[in-house]
Amino acid sequence: MKRAVTALAASLVGLAAPSIAQEIPTEQQLLHACGDDVARLCPGVPPGEGRVKACMRAHASELSAGCFDTLMAAMSVLYTVNSDLAFPPGGWELSAAGKEEFAKIVHKLGPSQTRPLYVSGFTDSTPIGPELRARGIESNLQLSAMRAENVRQFLVSQGLKPSLVLSKGFGDADPVASNATPEGRARNRRVELSLNPL
């Protein structure tokens, strides 16, 4: 297990932004904070090729508070939620499932929040259709900004500090997958919570 946590620590430290390097937890701090979580959430996942990191990210809402706080200091992008889960098709108001997903994060940050949290919205490259245009949405950039702001408002309504939660939409910029396939487009429609502005 120590090997798995060491691999996780190395991959997470590699993700951390240089601007917060002095706050990046050491490998020993990650081992101490997250060892039990790796054993509980990712039993049998072999280290290497980002497998442990992927497993931990998939279980981000189930991490212990100590591990979650330590990982927050090590990761730039903390949490990604697919827009197909968070919003109704062609909409920007959070769905019940979206609220449930983001609420899992709120209780971990809660009253101890001391660092800014950035909410970034992204879309695929599909042009805005007539239904959205009829509702006043003219671009993917505008849609992503409205989604990110809606998430920001929800996080604040659940107890995060308004001055420490910021939102921005990026439209179809920065895809994480090809927009040539339905699966890739689905991955690109997302909201990211991060500790550093993108």
N, C-alpha and C. Protein backbone atom coordinates (compact mmCIF):
# COMPACT_ATOMS: atom_id res chain seq x y z
N MET A 1 0.82 -1.19 0.00
CA MET A 1 0.00 0.00 0.00
C MET A 1 0.86 1.26 0.00
N LYS A 2 1.99 1.20 0.72
CA LYS A 2 2.85 2.38 0.75
C LYS A 2 3.29 2.75 -0.66
N ARG A 3 3.55 1.74 -1.49
CA ARG A 3 3.96 2.01 -2.87
C ARG A 3 2.85 2.72 -3.63
N ALA A 4 1.59 2.33 -3.40
CA ALA A 4 0.46 2.97 -4.07
C ALA A 4 0.32 4.42 -3.64
N VAL A 5 0.45 4.68 -2.34
CA VAL A 5 0.33 6.06 -1.86
C VAL A 5 1.50 6.89 -2.33
N THR A 6 2.70 6.30 -2.38
CA THR A 6 3.86 7.03 -2.90
C THR A 6 3.64 7.41 -4.35
N ALA A 7 3.07 6.50 -5.14
CA ALA A 7 2.78 6.81 -6.55
C ALA A 7 1.75 7.92 -6.64
N LEU A 8 0.73 7.88 -5.79
CA LEU A 8 -0.29 8.93 -5.77
C LEU A 8 0.36 10.25 -5.40
N ALA A 9 1.20 10.25 -4.39
CA ALA A 9 1.85 11.48 -3.95
C ALA A 9 2.68 12.08 -5.08
N ALA A 10 3.45 11.26 -5.75
CA ALA A 10 4.29 11.76 -6.83
C ALA A 10 3.46 12.36 -7.95
N SER A 11 2.37 11.71 -8.31
CA SER A 11 1.56 12.22 -9.41
C SER A 11 0.83 13.50 -9.01
N LEU A 12 0.39 13.61 -7.77
CA LEU A 12 -0.31 14.81 -7.33
C LEU A 12 0.63 15.99 -7.19
N VAL A 13 1.82 15.76 -6.68
CA VAL A 13 2.78 16.85 -6.57
C VAL A 13 3.11 17.37 -7.96
N GLY A 14 3.13 16.49 -8.95
CA GLY A 14 3.37 16.92 -10.32
C GLY A 14 2.25 17.79 -10.87
N LEU A 15 1.03 17.66 -10.34
CA LEU A 15 -0.09 18.47 -10.80
C LEU A 15 -0.13 19.84 -10.17
N ALA A 16 0.51 20.02 -9.04
CA ALA A 16 0.38 21.27 -8.30
C ALA A 16 0.99 22.42 -9.07
N ALA A 17 0.37 23.55 -8.99
CA ALA A 17 0.84 24.73 -9.71
C ALA A 17 2.06 25.31 -9.01
N PRO A 18 3.04 25.83 -9.77
CA PRO A 18 4.23 26.39 -9.17
C PRO A 18 3.93 27.53 -8.21
N SER A 19 2.87 28.27 -8.43
CA SER A 19 2.59 29.42 -7.58
C SER A 19 2.24 29.03 -6.16
N ILE A 20 1.91 27.76 -5.89
CA ILE A 20 1.61 27.36 -4.52
C ILE A 20 2.61 26.30 -4.05
N ALA A 21 3.79 26.29 -4.65
CA ALA A 21 4.76 25.25 -4.34
C ALA A 21 5.09 25.20 -2.85
N GLN A 22 5.15 26.34 -2.17
CA GLN A 22 5.49 26.32 -0.76
C GLN A 22 4.40 25.66 0.08
N GLU A 23 3.20 25.51 -0.45
CA GLU A 23 2.11 24.92 0.31
C GLU A 23 1.86 23.46 -0.08
N ILE A 24 2.63 22.93 -0.99
CA ILE A 24 2.43 21.55 -1.44
C ILE A 24 2.85 20.60 -0.34
N PRO A 25 1.97 19.67 0.05
CA PRO A 25 2.34 18.72 1.09
C PRO A 25 3.46 17.80 0.63
N THR A 26 4.25 17.35 1.58
CA THR A 26 5.32 16.42 1.25
C THR A 26 4.73 15.04 1.01
N GLU A 27 5.55 14.16 0.45
CA GLU A 27 5.12 12.79 0.23
C GLU A 27 4.74 12.13 1.55
N GLN A 28 5.50 12.40 2.61
CA GLN A 28 5.20 11.82 3.93
C GLN A 28 3.85 12.32 4.44
N GLN A 29 3.55 13.61 4.24
CA GLN A 29 2.25 14.14 4.66
C GLN A 29 1.12 13.47 3.90
N LEU A 30 1.32 13.25 2.60
CA LEU A 30 0.30 12.56 1.81
C LEU A 30 0.14 11.10 2.27
N LEU A 31 1.27 10.44 2.54
CA LEU A 31 1.21 9.07 3.03
C LEU A 31 0.42 9.00 4.34
N HIS A 32 0.72 9.93 5.23
CA HIS A 32 0.05 9.94 6.53
C HIS A 32 -1.44 10.26 6.38
N ALA A 33 -1.76 11.25 5.56
CA ALA A 33 -3.15 11.72 5.44
C ALA A 33 -4.03 10.78 4.61
N CYS A 34 -3.45 10.12 3.61
CA CYS A 34 -4.28 9.40 2.64
C CYS A 34 -4.07 7.89 2.59
N GLY A 35 -3.16 7.38 3.38
CA GLY A 35 -2.89 5.93 3.33
C GLY A 35 -4.12 5.09 3.57
N ASP A 36 -4.89 5.42 4.61
CA ASP A 36 -6.09 4.65 4.92
C ASP A 36 -7.14 4.79 3.81
N ASP A 37 -7.22 5.98 3.21
CA ASP A 37 -8.20 6.19 2.14
C ASP A 37 -7.87 5.35 0.91
N VAL A 38 -6.58 5.29 0.57
CA VAL A 38 -6.17 4.47 -0.58
C VAL A 38 -6.53 3.01 -0.32
N ALA A 39 -6.24 2.53 0.89
CA ALA A 39 -6.54 1.14 1.23
C ALA A 39 -8.04 0.87 1.20
N ARG A 40 -8.83 1.84 1.67
CA ARG A 40 -10.28 1.65 1.76
C ARG A 40 -10.97 1.82 0.40
N LEU A 41 -10.56 2.82 -0.38
CA LEU A 41 -11.27 3.15 -1.61
C LEU A 41 -10.70 2.49 -2.85
N CYS A 42 -9.44 2.14 -2.81
CA CYS A 42 -8.78 1.60 -4.01
C CYS A 42 -8.01 0.32 -3.72
N PRO A 43 -8.63 -0.64 -3.02
CA PRO A 43 -7.90 -1.87 -2.72
C PRO A 43 -7.56 -2.62 -4.00
N GLY A 44 -6.33 -3.07 -4.08
CA GLY A 44 -5.93 -3.86 -5.22
C GLY A 44 -5.58 -3.06 -6.47
N VAL A 45 -5.71 -1.73 -6.43
CA VAL A 45 -5.35 -0.92 -7.60
C VAL A 45 -3.83 -0.79 -7.61
N PRO A 46 -3.17 -1.30 -8.65
CA PRO A 46 -1.71 -1.24 -8.68
C PRO A 46 -1.23 0.18 -8.99
N PRO A 47 -0.14 0.62 -8.36
CA PRO A 47 0.38 1.95 -8.64
C PRO A 47 0.98 2.01 -10.05
N GLY A 48 1.09 3.22 -10.55
CA GLY A 48 1.67 3.45 -11.87
C GLY A 48 0.62 3.85 -12.89
N GLU A 49 1.05 4.60 -13.86
CA GLU A 49 0.21 5.05 -14.97
C GLU A 49 -1.03 5.80 -14.50
N GLY A 50 -0.95 6.43 -13.34
CA GLY A 50 -2.05 7.26 -12.86
C GLY A 50 -3.26 6.51 -12.34
N ARG A 51 -3.12 5.19 -12.14
CA ARG A 51 -4.29 4.39 -11.73
C ARG A 51 -4.78 4.75 -10.33
N VAL A 52 -3.87 4.92 -9.37
CA VAL A 52 -4.28 5.26 -8.01
C VAL A 52 -4.87 6.66 -7.99
N LYS A 53 -4.24 7.58 -8.70
CA LYS A 53 -4.76 8.95 -8.77
C LYS A 53 -6.15 8.96 -9.36
N ALA A 54 -6.37 8.20 -10.43
CA ALA A 54 -7.69 8.14 -11.06
C ALA A 54 -8.72 7.56 -10.10
N CYS A 55 -8.32 6.53 -9.36
CA CYS A 55 -9.23 5.93 -8.39
C CYS A 55 -9.59 6.94 -7.30
N MET A 56 -8.61 7.65 -6.77
CA MET A 56 -8.86 8.63 -5.71
C MET A 56 -9.74 9.77 -6.22
N ARG A 57 -9.50 10.20 -7.45
CA ARG A 57 -10.34 11.28 -8.01
C ARG A 57 -11.78 10.79 -8.18
N ALA A 58 -11.94 9.53 -8.57
CA ALA A 58 -13.28 8.98 -8.74
C ALA A 58 -14.03 8.92 -7.41
N HIS A 59 -13.28 8.85 -6.32
CA HIS A 59 -13.88 8.75 -4.98
C HIS A 59 -13.67 10.02 -4.17
N ALA A 60 -13.47 11.15 -4.83
CA ALA A 60 -13.13 12.40 -4.13
C ALA A 60 -14.16 12.75 -3.06
N SER A 61 -15.43 12.49 -3.33
CA SER A 61 -16.46 12.86 -2.35
C SER A 61 -16.47 11.94 -1.13
N GLU A 62 -15.71 10.83 -1.19
CA GLU A 62 -15.70 9.87 -0.09
C GLU A 62 -14.41 9.93 0.74
N LEU A 63 -13.52 10.85 0.39
CA LEU A 63 -12.25 10.94 1.11
C LEU A 63 -12.46 11.43 2.53
N SER A 64 -11.60 11.00 3.43
CA SER A 64 -11.63 11.53 4.80
C SER A 64 -11.26 13.00 4.74
N ALA A 65 -11.67 13.74 5.76
CA ALA A 65 -11.41 15.19 5.78
C ALA A 65 -9.91 15.48 5.74
N GLY A 66 -9.12 14.70 6.48
CA GLY A 66 -7.68 14.94 6.50
C GLY A 66 -7.03 14.73 5.15
N CYS A 67 -7.42 13.66 4.47
CA CYS A 67 -6.89 13.39 3.13
C CYS A 67 -7.36 14.44 2.15
N PHE A 68 -8.64 14.79 2.22
CA PHE A 68 -9.21 15.79 1.31
C PHE A 68 -8.46 17.11 1.44
N ASP A 69 -8.24 17.58 2.68
CA ASP A 69 -7.55 18.85 2.88
C ASP A 69 -6.12 18.79 2.37
N THR A 70 -5.45 17.66 2.60
CA THR A 70 -4.07 17.51 2.15
C THR A 70 -4.00 17.49 0.63
N LEU A 71 -4.94 16.78 0.00
CA LEU A 71 -4.95 16.72 -1.46
C LEU A 71 -5.28 18.08 -2.06
N MET A 72 -6.13 18.86 -1.38
CA MET A 72 -6.45 20.19 -1.90
C MET A 72 -5.19 21.03 -2.06
N ALA A 73 -4.26 20.85 -1.16
CA ALA A 73 -3.02 21.61 -1.23
C ALA A 73 -2.10 21.08 -2.32
N ALA A 74 -2.35 19.87 -2.79
CA ALA A 74 -1.47 19.25 -3.78
C ALA A 74 -2.02 19.29 -5.20
N MET A 75 -3.29 19.57 -5.34
CA MET A 75 -3.90 19.48 -6.66
C MET A 75 -4.35 20.85 -7.15
N SER A 76 -4.18 21.07 -8.42
CA SER A 76 -4.68 22.30 -9.01
C SER A 76 -6.17 22.14 -9.29
N VAL A 77 -6.54 21.16 -10.10
CA VAL A 77 -7.96 20.88 -10.33
C VAL A 77 -8.39 19.87 -9.28
N LEU A 78 -9.31 20.28 -8.44
CA LEU A 78 -9.72 19.47 -7.32
C LEU A 78 -10.82 18.49 -7.69
N TYR A 79 -11.77 18.93 -8.48
CA TYR A 79 -12.98 18.13 -8.67
C TYR A 79 -13.58 18.49 -10.02
N THR A 80 -13.97 17.50 -10.78
CA THR A 80 -14.61 17.72 -12.08
C THR A 80 -15.96 17.01 -12.08
N VAL A 81 -16.99 17.74 -12.48
CA VAL A 81 -18.33 17.17 -12.58
C VAL A 81 -18.79 17.31 -14.02
N ASN A 82 -19.25 16.21 -14.60
CA ASN A 82 -19.74 16.22 -15.97
C ASN A 82 -21.03 17.04 -16.03
N SER A 83 -21.12 17.93 -17.00
CA SER A 83 -22.30 18.79 -17.13
C SER A 83 -23.57 18.01 -17.42
N ASP A 84 -23.44 16.83 -18.03
CA ASP A 84 -24.63 16.02 -18.30
C ASP A 84 -25.27 15.54 -16.99
N LEU A 85 -24.46 15.39 -15.94
CA LEU A 85 -24.99 15.04 -14.62
C LEU A 85 -25.50 16.29 -13.89
N ALA A 86 -24.77 17.38 -14.02
CA ALA A 86 -25.05 18.57 -13.21
C ALA A 86 -26.20 19.43 -13.72
N PHE A 87 -26.48 19.39 -15.02
CA PHE A 87 -27.48 20.28 -15.60
C PHE A 87 -28.43 19.50 -16.51
N PRO A 88 -29.65 19.99 -16.64
CA PRO A 88 -30.54 19.37 -17.64
C PRO A 88 -30.03 19.69 -19.04
N PRO A 89 -30.36 18.87 -20.05
CA PRO A 89 -29.90 19.15 -21.41
C PRO A 89 -30.27 20.57 -21.84
N GLY A 90 -29.27 21.29 -22.32
CA GLY A 90 -29.51 22.65 -22.80
C GLY A 90 -29.83 23.65 -21.70
N GLY A 91 -29.51 23.30 -20.46
CA GLY A 91 -29.83 24.20 -19.36
C GLY A 91 -28.60 24.62 -18.57
N TRP A 92 -28.80 25.53 -17.66
CA TRP A 92 -27.71 26.01 -16.82
C TRP A 92 -28.06 25.99 -15.33
N GLU A 93 -29.31 25.65 -15.02
CA GLU A 93 -29.70 25.55 -13.61
C GLU A 93 -29.33 24.15 -13.13
N LEU A 94 -28.74 24.07 -11.95
CA LEU A 94 -28.31 22.78 -11.43
C LEU A 94 -29.47 21.81 -11.27
N SER A 95 -29.25 20.58 -11.68
CA SER A 95 -30.23 19.51 -11.47
C SER A 95 -30.12 19.03 -10.03
N ALA A 96 -31.08 18.21 -9.61
CA ALA A 96 -31.01 17.62 -8.27
C ALA A 96 -29.74 16.79 -8.11
N ALA A 97 -29.39 16.03 -9.15
CA ALA A 97 -28.16 15.22 -9.10
C ALA A 97 -26.92 16.11 -9.03
N GLY A 98 -26.95 17.23 -9.75
CA GLY A 98 -25.83 18.16 -9.72
C GLY A 98 -25.66 18.78 -8.34
N LYS A 99 -26.78 19.18 -7.73
CA LYS A 99 -26.71 19.74 -6.37
C LYS A 99 -26.16 18.71 -5.39
N GLU A 100 -26.61 17.49 -5.53
CA GLU A 100 -26.13 16.43 -4.64
C GLU A 100 -24.63 16.23 -4.78
N GLU A 101 -24.16 16.26 -6.03
CA GLU A 101 -22.73 16.05 -6.28
C GLU A 101 -21.89 17.18 -5.69
N PHE A 102 -22.31 18.43 -5.92
CA PHE A 102 -21.53 19.56 -5.39
C PHE A 102 -21.66 19.68 -3.88
N ALA A 103 -22.79 19.26 -3.32
CA ALA A 103 -22.97 19.32 -1.87
C ALA A 103 -21.97 18.42 -1.15
N LYS A 104 -21.54 17.34 -1.80
CA LYS A 104 -20.57 16.44 -1.19
C LYS A 104 -19.26 17.17 -0.89
N ILE A 105 -18.93 18.13 -1.74
CA ILE A 105 -17.68 18.87 -1.57
C ILE A 105 -17.82 19.94 -0.50
N VAL A 106 -19.00 20.56 -0.41
CA VAL A 106 -19.20 21.69 0.49
C VAL A 106 -18.89 21.32 1.94
N HIS A 107 -19.36 20.17 2.40
CA HIS A 107 -19.14 19.84 3.80
C HIS A 107 -17.67 19.60 4.12
N LYS A 108 -16.87 19.30 3.10
CA LYS A 108 -15.44 19.10 3.33
C LYS A 108 -14.72 20.45 3.43
N LEU A 109 -15.18 21.45 2.69
CA LEU A 109 -14.57 22.77 2.76
C LEU A 109 -15.15 23.59 3.92
N GLY A 110 -16.47 23.68 3.91
CA GLY A 110 -17.25 24.32 4.96
C GLY A 110 -16.62 25.52 5.63
N PRO A 111 -16.78 25.60 6.95
CA PRO A 111 -16.34 26.78 7.68
C PRO A 111 -14.83 26.93 7.75
N SER A 112 -14.08 25.87 7.42
CA SER A 112 -12.62 25.97 7.48
C SER A 112 -12.02 26.52 6.20
N GLN A 113 -12.84 26.91 5.24
CA GLN A 113 -12.33 27.40 3.96
C GLN A 113 -11.50 28.66 4.16
N THR A 114 -10.26 28.62 3.71
CA THR A 114 -9.39 29.79 3.80
C THR A 114 -8.81 30.18 2.45
N ARG A 115 -8.94 29.32 1.46
CA ARG A 115 -8.36 29.60 0.14
C ARG A 115 -9.45 29.78 -0.88
N PRO A 116 -9.20 30.57 -1.91
CA PRO A 116 -10.21 30.73 -2.97
C PRO A 116 -10.47 29.42 -3.69
N LEU A 117 -11.70 29.25 -4.10
CA LEU A 117 -12.11 28.10 -4.90
C LEU A 117 -12.62 28.65 -6.23
N TYR A 118 -12.07 28.17 -7.32
CA TYR A 118 -12.43 28.66 -8.65
C TYR A 118 -13.35 27.64 -9.33
N VAL A 119 -14.47 28.12 -9.80
CA VAL A 119 -15.45 27.29 -10.51
C VAL A 119 -15.33 27.63 -11.99
N SER A 120 -14.93 26.66 -12.80
CA SER A 120 -14.71 26.89 -14.23
C SER A 120 -15.66 26.02 -15.05
N GLY A 121 -16.41 26.66 -15.96
CA GLY A 121 -17.35 25.94 -16.80
C GLY A 121 -16.80 25.74 -18.20
N PHE A 122 -17.05 24.56 -18.77
CA PHE A 122 -16.59 24.22 -20.12
C PHE A 122 -17.72 23.55 -20.88
N THR A 123 -17.72 23.70 -22.20
CA THR A 123 -18.69 23.04 -23.06
C THR A 123 -17.95 22.24 -24.12
N ASP A 124 -18.71 21.51 -24.94
CA ASP A 124 -18.12 20.92 -26.13
C ASP A 124 -18.15 21.97 -27.23
N SER A 125 -17.81 21.59 -28.45
CA SER A 125 -17.74 22.57 -29.54
C SER A 125 -19.01 22.64 -30.38
N THR A 126 -20.05 21.93 -29.97
CA THR A 126 -21.31 21.97 -30.72
C THR A 126 -21.90 23.38 -30.65
N PRO A 127 -22.24 23.96 -31.80
CA PRO A 127 -22.80 25.32 -31.77
C PRO A 127 -24.11 25.37 -30.99
N ILE A 128 -24.39 26.53 -30.45
CA ILE A 128 -25.63 26.76 -29.70
C ILE A 128 -26.81 26.59 -30.66
N GLY A 129 -27.80 25.81 -30.22
CA GLY A 129 -28.97 25.53 -31.06
C GLY A 129 -30.06 26.58 -30.91
N PRO A 130 -31.11 26.45 -31.71
CA PRO A 130 -32.18 27.45 -31.70
C PRO A 130 -32.93 27.53 -30.36
N GLU A 131 -33.03 26.40 -29.64
CA GLU A 131 -33.74 26.43 -28.35
C GLU A 131 -33.01 27.34 -27.36
N LEU A 132 -31.70 27.19 -27.28
CA LEU A 132 -30.94 28.04 -26.37
C LEU A 132 -30.92 29.48 -26.85
N ARG A 133 -30.82 29.68 -28.16
CA ARG A 133 -30.84 31.06 -28.69
C ARG A 133 -32.15 31.75 -28.33
N ALA A 134 -33.24 30.99 -28.36
CA ALA A 134 -34.55 31.55 -28.00
C ALA A 134 -34.59 31.95 -26.52
N ARG A 135 -33.73 31.33 -25.72
CA ARG A 135 -33.67 31.66 -24.29
C ARG A 135 -32.58 32.69 -23.99
N GLY A 136 -31.99 33.24 -25.05
CA GLY A 136 -31.01 34.32 -24.87
C GLY A 136 -29.56 33.89 -24.79
N ILE A 137 -29.27 32.62 -25.01
CA ILE A 137 -27.89 32.14 -24.97
C ILE A 137 -27.34 32.18 -26.38
N GLU A 138 -26.31 32.97 -26.58
CA GLU A 138 -25.76 33.18 -27.92
C GLU A 138 -24.49 32.40 -28.22
N SER A 139 -23.82 31.89 -27.17
CA SER A 139 -22.53 31.22 -27.41
C SER A 139 -22.25 30.19 -26.32
N ASN A 140 -21.35 29.28 -26.63
CA ASN A 140 -20.90 28.30 -25.65
C ASN A 140 -20.20 29.00 -24.48
N LEU A 141 -19.51 30.08 -24.77
CA LEU A 141 -18.85 30.84 -23.71
C LEU A 141 -19.88 31.36 -22.71
N GLN A 142 -20.97 31.91 -23.21
CA GLN A 142 -22.03 32.42 -22.34
C GLN A 142 -22.68 31.28 -21.54
N LEU A 143 -22.95 30.15 -22.20
CA LEU A 143 -23.55 29.01 -21.51
C LEU A 143 -22.63 28.50 -20.40
N SER A 144 -21.35 28.38 -20.69
CA SER A 144 -20.42 27.87 -19.67
C SER A 144 -20.30 28.84 -18.50
N ALA A 145 -20.34 30.14 -18.79
CA ALA A 145 -20.27 31.13 -17.72
C ALA A 145 -21.51 31.06 -16.82
N MET A 146 -22.68 30.87 -17.44
CA MET A 146 -23.91 30.77 -16.65
C MET A 146 -23.91 29.51 -15.79
N ARG A 147 -23.40 28.42 -16.32
CA ARG A 147 -23.32 27.18 -15.55
C ARG A 147 -22.35 27.34 -14.37
N ALA A 148 -21.18 27.92 -14.65
CA ALA A 148 -20.20 28.11 -13.58
C ALA A 148 -20.75 29.04 -12.49
N GLU A 149 -21.43 30.09 -12.88
CA GLU A 149 -22.00 31.02 -11.90
C GLU A 149 -23.12 30.35 -11.10
N ASN A 150 -23.89 29.51 -11.73
CA ASN A 150 -24.95 28.80 -11.02
C ASN A 150 -24.35 27.87 -9.96
N VAL A 151 -23.26 27.20 -10.30
CA VAL A 151 -22.57 26.34 -9.34
C VAL A 151 -22.01 27.20 -8.20
N ARG A 152 -21.40 28.34 -8.54
CA ARG A 152 -20.86 29.24 -7.51
C ARG A 152 -21.95 29.64 -6.53
N GLN A 153 -23.09 30.06 -7.07
CA GLN A 153 -24.19 30.48 -6.20
C GLN A 153 -24.66 29.33 -5.30
N PHE A 154 -24.71 28.13 -5.84
CA PHE A 154 -25.12 26.98 -5.03
C PHE A 154 -24.11 26.73 -3.91
N LEU A 155 -22.82 26.75 -4.23
CA LEU A 155 -21.79 26.51 -3.21
C LEU A 155 -21.89 27.54 -2.09
N VAL A 156 -22.11 28.79 -2.46
CA VAL A 156 -22.26 29.85 -1.46
C VAL A 156 -23.53 29.63 -0.63
N SER A 157 -24.61 29.22 -1.29
CA SER A 157 -25.86 28.98 -0.56
C SER A 157 -25.72 27.84 0.45
N GLN A 158 -24.73 26.98 0.23
CA GLN A 158 -24.51 25.85 1.11
C GLN A 158 -23.48 26.14 2.20
N GLY A 159 -22.97 27.37 2.24
CA GLY A 159 -22.09 27.75 3.34
C GLY A 159 -20.68 28.16 2.99
N LEU A 160 -20.27 28.05 1.71
CA LEU A 160 -18.93 28.53 1.38
C LEU A 160 -18.92 30.05 1.39
N LYS A 161 -17.74 30.62 1.59
CA LYS A 161 -17.61 32.07 1.74
C LYS A 161 -17.72 32.75 0.38
N PRO A 162 -18.68 33.68 0.21
CA PRO A 162 -18.88 34.32 -1.10
C PRO A 162 -17.62 34.96 -1.66
N SER A 163 -16.80 35.54 -0.80
CA SER A 163 -15.59 36.22 -1.28
C SER A 163 -14.51 35.23 -1.72
N LEU A 164 -14.68 33.95 -1.39
CA LEU A 164 -13.67 32.95 -1.73
C LEU A 164 -14.13 31.95 -2.78
N VAL A 165 -15.25 32.23 -3.44
CA VAL A 165 -15.72 31.36 -4.52
C VAL A 165 -15.92 32.23 -5.76
N LEU A 166 -15.16 31.96 -6.81
CA LEU A 166 -15.18 32.75 -8.04
C LEU A 166 -15.53 31.85 -9.21
N SER A 167 -16.20 32.41 -10.21
CA SER A 167 -16.59 31.58 -11.36
C SER A 167 -16.21 32.24 -12.67
N LYS A 168 -16.00 31.38 -13.67
CA LYS A 168 -15.69 31.86 -15.02
C LYS A 168 -16.05 30.77 -16.02
N GLY A 169 -16.55 31.18 -17.18
CA GLY A 169 -16.84 30.24 -18.25
C GLY A 169 -15.75 30.30 -19.31
N PHE A 170 -15.44 29.15 -19.89
CA PHE A 170 -14.40 29.07 -20.92
C PHE A 170 -14.94 28.55 -22.25
N GLY A 171 -16.24 28.29 -22.33
CA GLY A 171 -16.81 27.78 -23.57
C GLY A 171 -16.17 26.47 -23.97
N ASP A 172 -15.82 26.36 -25.26
CA ASP A 172 -15.23 25.12 -25.75
C ASP A 172 -13.71 25.13 -25.73
N ALA A 173 -13.12 26.12 -25.04
CA ALA A 173 -11.66 26.16 -24.90
C ALA A 173 -11.21 25.03 -23.98
N ASP A 174 -10.01 24.59 -24.14
CA ASP A 174 -9.39 23.59 -23.27
C ASP A 174 -10.16 22.26 -23.21
N PRO A 175 -10.42 21.63 -24.35
CA PRO A 175 -11.08 20.32 -24.31
C PRO A 175 -10.16 19.28 -23.68
N VAL A 176 -10.76 18.31 -22.99
CA VAL A 176 -9.99 17.21 -22.40
C VAL A 176 -10.08 15.96 -23.27
N ALA A 177 -10.88 16.03 -24.32
CA ALA A 177 -11.06 14.90 -25.24
C ALA A 177 -11.43 15.46 -26.61
N SER A 178 -11.43 14.61 -27.60
CA SER A 178 -11.79 15.03 -28.95
C SER A 178 -13.28 15.35 -29.03
N ASN A 179 -13.61 16.43 -29.71
CA ASN A 179 -15.01 16.78 -29.95
C ASN A 179 -15.59 16.02 -31.14
N ALA A 180 -14.80 15.11 -31.73
CA ALA A 180 -15.25 14.37 -32.91
C ALA A 180 -16.15 13.19 -32.56
N THR A 181 -16.19 12.81 -31.27
CA THR A 181 -17.02 11.67 -30.87
C THR A 181 -18.01 12.10 -29.78
N PRO A 182 -19.15 11.41 -29.68
CA PRO A 182 -20.10 11.73 -28.60
C PRO A 182 -19.48 11.58 -27.21
N GLU A 183 -18.63 10.56 -27.03
CA GLU A 183 -17.99 10.34 -25.74
C GLU A 183 -17.05 11.49 -25.40
N GLY A 184 -16.28 11.93 -26.40
CA GLY A 184 -15.36 13.05 -26.18
C GLY A 184 -16.10 14.33 -25.86
N ARG A 185 -17.18 14.58 -26.60
CA ARG A 185 -17.97 15.79 -26.33
C ARG A 185 -18.56 15.75 -24.91
N ALA A 186 -19.00 14.58 -24.48
CA ALA A 186 -19.55 14.44 -23.13
C ALA A 186 -18.49 14.75 -22.08
N ARG A 187 -17.26 14.32 -22.30
CA ARG A 187 -16.18 14.61 -21.34
C ARG A 187 -15.85 16.09 -21.31
N ASN A 188 -15.99 16.75 -22.44
CA ASN A 188 -15.66 18.18 -22.51
C ASN A 188 -16.70 19.06 -21.83
N ARG A 189 -17.92 18.58 -21.71
CA ARG A 189 -18.98 19.33 -21.02
C ARG A 189 -18.81 19.08 -19.52
N ARG A 190 -18.20 20.04 -18.83
CA ARG A 190 -17.83 19.80 -17.44
C ARG A 190 -17.74 21.11 -16.66
N VAL A 191 -17.73 20.95 -15.34
CA VAL A 191 -17.43 22.05 -14.43
C VAL A 191 -16.28 21.58 -13.55
N GLU A 192 -15.26 22.40 -13.45
CA GLU A 192 -14.11 22.06 -12.62
C GLU A 192 -14.02 22.99 -11.42
N LEU A 193 -13.70 22.43 -10.27
CA LEU A 193 -13.40 23.21 -9.08
C LEU A 193 -11.89 23.13 -8.89
N SER A 194 -11.26 24.27 -8.76
CA SER A 194 -9.81 24.27 -8.64
C SER A 194 -9.34 25.30 -7.63
N LEU A 195 -8.10 25.15 -7.20
CA LEU A 195 -7.52 26.07 -6.23
C LEU A 195 -6.79 27.22 -6.89
N ASN A 196 -6.59 27.12 -8.18
CA ASN A 196 -5.89 28.16 -8.92
C ASN A 196 -6.71 28.56 -10.13
N PRO A 197 -6.73 29.84 -10.48
CA PRO A 197 -7.49 30.24 -11.66
C PRO A 197 -6.92 29.58 -12.90
N LEU A 198 -7.80 29.18 -13.81
CA LEU A 198 -7.36 28.54 -15.05
C LEU A 198 -7.11 29.58 -16.12
